[in-house]
Amino acid sequence: MRFLSIAALITSIATSVGAQEPIFDNYISMRGEMDRLMMNRNIPELMIKFGGADEMTKEQLDRLDAQVGQLYPNDFEHVAVIRRGALEGGFQQELLSYWTGIAYVYAYVLYHDRGNEMVAINFRFNSDFTTLNSLF
C-alpha cells in the first residue's frame, strides 16, 4: 500500500523556502491553482502557493517531490470533492481526491472566505484516505 505523509518529512526545520501568502481572489482561483498543481504533481510550487513551504526546507521539498514522483509516475486525470464541511464565520474544509487509473491521492484544505479574498489556512495531502478524512 502506498503511504505518503508530509508530517513525516517535516521534522527539524532549519531554513525555509520563499513562501507566498496563500491568498486567492476567490474559491475558483484557489481551486484552479490547487487542481493544476496537484494534477501535474508540481509539489514544490503547490507547497509554496498553499503556505506549506514556510515549514519545509528546499531539501525537504525536493525529497517530497521525488517521493511523489516515485509513487505517482503519471499526472492525475481526475479530481472530485469527496467531502465538504461548512464551519462558522466563513470557514470551510474540503477533502478532495485526485486519481489516474487506480492511483489515488487525497488532499485536505481548510480555507476562509473573507468576502473579498479566499485564504488557504491549512493544506495537506496523503495517499491514505483515513488520515485526512479523520480531520472532519
Protein backbone atom coordinates (compact mmCIF):
# COMPACT_ATOMS: atom_id res chain seq x y z
CA MET A 1 0.00 0.00 0.00
CA ARG A 2 1.27 3.46 -0.84
CA PHE A 3 1.70 5.85 2.05
CA LEU A 4 2.79 9.44 1.88
CA SER A 5 2.86 11.68 4.89
CA ILE A 6 4.06 15.24 4.74
CA ALA A 7 4.27 15.27 8.52
CA ALA A 8 6.92 12.55 8.40
CA LEU A 9 9.08 14.73 6.19
CA ILE A 10 8.68 17.83 8.34
CA THR A 11 11.00 17.05 11.20
CA SER A 12 13.51 19.70 12.09
CA ILE A 13 13.27 22.85 10.04
CA ALA A 14 16.49 24.74 9.53
CA THR A 15 15.69 27.20 6.76
CA SER A 16 12.56 27.99 4.86
CA VAL A 17 11.87 28.32 1.17
CA GLY A 18 10.40 31.51 -0.30
CA ALA A 19 6.83 31.02 0.87
CA GLN A 20 3.96 33.03 -0.55
CA GLU A 21 0.84 34.10 1.26
CA PRO A 22 -1.87 31.55 0.46
CA ILE A 23 -4.39 34.21 -0.58
CA PHE A 24 -6.58 33.92 -3.68
CA ASP A 25 -9.19 36.18 -5.28
CA ASN A 26 -11.97 33.61 -4.80
CA TYR A 27 -12.75 29.91 -4.47
CA ILE A 28 -12.49 29.31 -8.22
CA SER A 29 -8.96 30.74 -8.39
CA MET A 30 -7.90 28.80 -5.27
CA ARG A 31 -9.24 25.50 -6.63
CA GLY A 32 -7.85 26.23 -10.08
CA GLU A 33 -4.32 26.56 -8.66
CA MET A 34 -4.71 23.58 -6.35
CA ASP A 35 -6.09 21.34 -9.09
CA ARG A 36 -3.50 22.39 -11.66
CA LEU A 37 -0.58 21.82 -9.30
CA MET A 38 -1.88 18.56 -7.82
CA MET A 39 -2.83 17.08 -11.19
CA ASN A 40 0.60 17.95 -12.62
CA ARG A 41 2.30 16.74 -9.41
CA ASN A 42 4.14 20.04 -9.05
CA ILE A 43 4.74 19.57 -5.33
CA PRO A 44 7.27 22.36 -4.61
CA GLU A 45 5.07 25.04 -6.22
CA LEU A 46 1.97 23.55 -4.57
CA MET A 47 3.52 23.77 -1.13
CA ILE A 48 4.82 27.29 -1.77
CA LYS A 49 1.44 28.57 -3.00
CA PHE A 50 -0.55 26.90 -0.24
CA GLY A 51 1.60 28.02 2.66
CA GLY A 52 3.44 24.80 3.49
CA ALA A 53 6.82 25.98 2.25
CA ASP A 54 7.48 28.05 5.35
CA GLU A 55 7.53 24.75 7.26
CA MET A 56 9.87 22.95 4.88
CA THR A 57 13.42 23.44 3.67
CA LYS A 58 14.24 23.32 -0.03
CA GLU A 59 15.81 19.90 0.54
CA GLN A 60 12.64 18.62 2.20
CA LEU A 61 10.53 19.94 -0.68
CA ASP A 62 12.85 18.24 -3.16
CA ARG A 63 12.62 14.92 -1.25
CA LEU A 64 8.84 15.18 -1.09
CA ASP A 65 8.68 15.94 -4.82
CA ALA A 66 10.87 12.91 -5.60
CA GLN A 67 8.78 10.66 -3.35
CA VAL A 68 5.54 11.78 -5.03
CA GLY A 69 7.14 11.22 -8.44
CA GLN A 70 8.05 7.66 -7.48
CA LEU A 71 4.63 6.84 -6.03
CA TYR A 72 2.70 8.59 -8.81
CA PRO A 73 4.69 8.50 -12.07
CA ASN A 74 1.76 9.81 -14.14
CA ASP A 75 -0.14 13.06 -13.86
CA PHE A 76 -3.61 12.79 -12.37
CA GLU A 77 -6.51 12.89 -14.80
CA HIS A 78 -9.49 13.33 -12.48
CA VAL A 79 -10.48 15.30 -9.40
CA ALA A 80 -13.57 15.23 -7.19
CA VAL A 81 -14.60 16.76 -3.90
CA ILE A 82 -15.29 13.83 -1.60
CA ARG A 83 -16.36 15.75 1.45
CA ARG A 84 -17.11 19.39 2.26
CA GLY A 85 -17.86 20.92 5.62
CA ALA A 86 -19.13 24.41 6.35
CA LEU A 87 -17.86 25.83 9.61
CA GLU A 88 -18.73 29.13 11.27
CA GLY A 89 -17.61 32.60 10.17
CA GLY A 90 -16.85 31.82 6.53
CA PHE A 91 -14.55 28.86 7.26
CA GLN A 92 -14.84 25.74 5.11
CA GLN A 93 -12.98 22.45 4.81
CA GLU A 94 -12.78 20.08 1.86
CA LEU A 95 -11.40 16.65 1.17
CA LEU A 96 -10.60 16.01 -2.49
CA SER A 97 -9.38 13.03 -4.45
CA TYR A 98 -7.07 13.15 -7.47
CA TRP A 99 -6.60 9.98 -9.50
CA THR A 100 -5.49 8.24 -12.64
CA GLY A 101 -6.48 4.61 -13.12
CA ILE A 102 -6.30 3.15 -9.63
CA ALA A 103 -3.65 5.57 -8.32
CA TYR A 104 -5.34 7.89 -5.80
CA VAL A 105 -4.08 10.74 -3.66
CA TYR A 106 -6.18 12.81 -1.28
CA ALA A 107 -5.93 16.50 -0.40
CA TYR A 108 -7.40 18.43 2.52
CA VAL A 109 -7.80 22.18 2.59
CA LEU A 110 -9.16 24.43 5.32
CA TYR A 111 -9.93 27.87 3.93
CA HIS A 112 -11.56 31.12 4.97
CA ASP A 113 -13.84 33.09 2.68
CA ARG A 114 -13.33 36.70 3.76
CA GLY A 115 -15.71 38.08 1.15
CA ASN A 116 -13.09 39.83 -0.97
CA GLU A 117 -10.50 37.05 -0.83
CA MET A 118 -10.01 33.37 -0.05
CA VAL A 119 -7.28 32.32 2.39
CA ALA A 120 -5.99 28.74 2.37
CA ILE A 121 -5.19 28.23 6.05
CA ASN A 122 -4.20 24.58 6.13
CA PHE A 123 -3.33 22.27 3.24
CA ARG A 124 -2.27 18.62 3.38
CA PHE A 125 -2.16 15.68 1.03
CA ASN A 126 -1.75 11.99 1.66
CA SER A 127 -2.22 8.66 -0.06
CA ASP A 128 -4.08 7.37 3.00
CA PHE A 129 -7.74 8.41 2.88
CA THR A 130 -8.35 7.71 6.57
CA THR A 131 -5.66 10.15 7.70
CA LEU A 132 -7.32 13.14 6.02
CA ASN A 133 -10.91 12.02 6.46
CA SER A 134 -10.33 11.97 10.22
CA LEU A 135 -9.86 15.77 10.12
CA PHE A 136 -13.65 16.17 9.74
